[in-house]
């Protein structure tokens, strides 16, 4: 083991694995993709209720935001499930090329 490997290993000791960080990032993205549309549409509904003197728009807009949030999460989950994001696959382009070449032999 050379000096560079030892320095890298010393720096990364005790840090979470990259898969853990990626999973944490996905969980946070799911939460944000759900909460932001709900919060924004609820605030808009509340503001419209204040301006128009009604009391039902906040509820209506809350449900519209919830539907939009679920739609965002569904799209993101489908993208992750089909592997379109590239983050779920840890292979490098060289590894992929090698595996295709191995199958041809």
Protein backbone atom coordinates (compact mmCIF):
# COMPACT_ATOMS: atom_id res chain seq x y z
CA UNK A 1 0.00 0.00 0.00
CA UNK A 2 1.49 3.31 -0.99
CA UNK A 3 1.26 6.65 0.82
CA UNK A 4 -1.67 7.93 -1.23
CA UNK A 5 -3.80 4.90 -0.35
CA UNK A 6 -2.97 5.28 3.34
CA UNK A 7 -3.88 8.98 3.29
CA UNK A 8 -7.16 8.28 1.54
CA UNK A 9 -8.02 5.46 3.92
CA UNK A 10 -7.17 7.61 6.93
CA UNK A 11 -9.36 10.46 5.66
CA UNK A 12 -12.36 8.22 4.95
CA UNK A 13 -12.25 6.15 8.14
CA UNK A 14 -15.43 6.57 10.11
CA UNK A 15 -17.32 8.17 7.23
CA UNK A 16 -20.52 6.50 6.04
CA UNK A 17 -20.44 4.40 2.90
CA UNK A 18 -21.42 6.19 -0.31
CA UNK A 19 -24.46 3.90 -0.63
CA UNK A 20 -25.69 5.11 2.75
CA UNK A 21 -25.28 8.73 1.72
CA UNK A 22 -27.06 8.07 -1.57
CA UNK A 23 -29.95 6.39 0.26
CA UNK A 24 -30.19 9.29 2.69
CA UNK A 25 -30.21 11.69 -0.23
CA UNK A 26 -33.07 9.78 -1.86
CA UNK A 27 -35.11 9.81 1.35
CA UNK A 28 -34.63 13.56 1.62
CA UNK A 29 -35.59 14.04 -2.02
CA UNK A 30 -38.78 12.05 -1.47
CA UNK A 31 -39.67 14.23 1.50
CA UNK A 32 -38.93 17.48 -0.29
CA UNK A 33 -40.80 16.37 -3.41
CA UNK A 34 -43.84 15.66 -1.25
CA UNK A 35 -43.78 18.62 1.14
CA UNK A 36 -42.95 21.51 -1.17
CA UNK A 37 -46.02 21.20 -3.43
CA UNK A 38 -48.30 20.74 -0.41
CA UNK A 39 -46.84 23.75 1.39
CA UNK A 40 -46.89 26.01 -1.66
CA UNK A 41 -50.44 25.20 -2.70
CA UNK A 42 -51.72 25.40 0.88
CA UNK A 43 -50.18 28.85 1.28
CA UNK A 44 -51.69 29.88 -2.05
CA UNK A 45 -55.10 28.56 -0.96
CA UNK A 46 -54.85 30.41 2.36
CA UNK A 47 -53.89 33.64 0.59
CA UNK A 48 -56.77 33.28 -1.86
CA UNK A 49 -59.17 32.58 1.03
CA UNK A 50 -58.04 35.81 2.68
CA UNK A 51 -58.40 37.82 -0.52
CA UNK A 52 -61.76 36.37 -1.60
CA UNK A 53 -63.29 35.93 1.84
CA UNK A 54 -63.85 32.18 1.42
CA UNK A 55 -62.92 29.26 3.68
CA UNK A 56 -62.71 26.23 1.40
CA UNK A 57 -59.87 27.05 -0.99
CA UNK A 58 -57.14 26.17 1.50
CA UNK A 59 -58.53 22.63 1.76
CA UNK A 60 -58.97 22.31 -2.00
CA UNK A 61 -55.46 23.55 -2.69
CA UNK A 62 -54.02 21.28 0.03
CA UNK A 63 -55.40 18.24 -1.79
CA UNK A 64 -54.18 19.55 -5.14
CA UNK A 65 -50.70 19.89 -3.60
CA UNK A 66 -50.91 16.38 -2.15
CA UNK A 67 -51.81 14.95 -5.55
CA UNK A 68 -48.93 16.86 -7.16
CA UNK A 69 -46.55 15.60 -4.46
CA UNK A 70 -47.61 11.99 -4.95
CA UNK A 71 -47.18 12.42 -8.68
CA UNK A 72 -43.64 13.77 -8.15
CA UNK A 73 -42.75 10.84 -5.93
CA UNK A 74 -44.24 8.32 -8.36
CA UNK A 75 -42.20 9.77 -11.23
CA UNK A 76 -39.04 9.76 -9.16
CA UNK A 77 -39.60 6.18 -7.99
CA UNK A 78 -40.22 5.00 -11.54
CA UNK A 79 -37.08 6.75 -12.71
CA UNK A 80 -35.04 5.10 -9.96
CA UNK A 81 -36.67 1.72 -10.58
CA UNK A 82 -35.82 1.73 -14.26
CA UNK A 83 -32.27 2.96 -13.61
CA UNK A 84 -32.57 6.12 -15.71
CA UNK A 85 -30.83 8.26 -13.10
CA UNK A 86 -27.56 6.32 -13.27
CA UNK A 87 -27.03 6.71 -9.52
CA UNK A 88 -28.42 3.26 -8.74
CA UNK A 89 -25.75 1.61 -10.87
CA UNK A 90 -22.24 1.91 -9.49
CA UNK A 91 -20.47 0.59 -12.58
CA UNK A 92 -18.27 2.87 -14.56
CA UNK A 93 -18.61 3.09 -18.35
CA UNK A 94 -15.44 1.00 -18.68
CA UNK A 95 -16.98 -1.79 -16.56
CA UNK A 96 -20.10 -1.79 -18.72
CA UNK A 97 -18.04 -2.01 -21.90
CA UNK A 98 -15.98 -4.87 -20.47
CA UNK A 99 -19.10 -6.81 -19.49
CA UNK A 100 -20.55 -6.44 -22.99
CA UNK A 101 -17.25 -7.66 -24.47
CA UNK A 102 -17.23 -10.62 -22.07
CA UNK A 103 -20.71 -11.66 -23.22
CA UNK A 104 -19.60 -11.71 -26.86
CA UNK A 105 -16.82 -14.21 -26.17
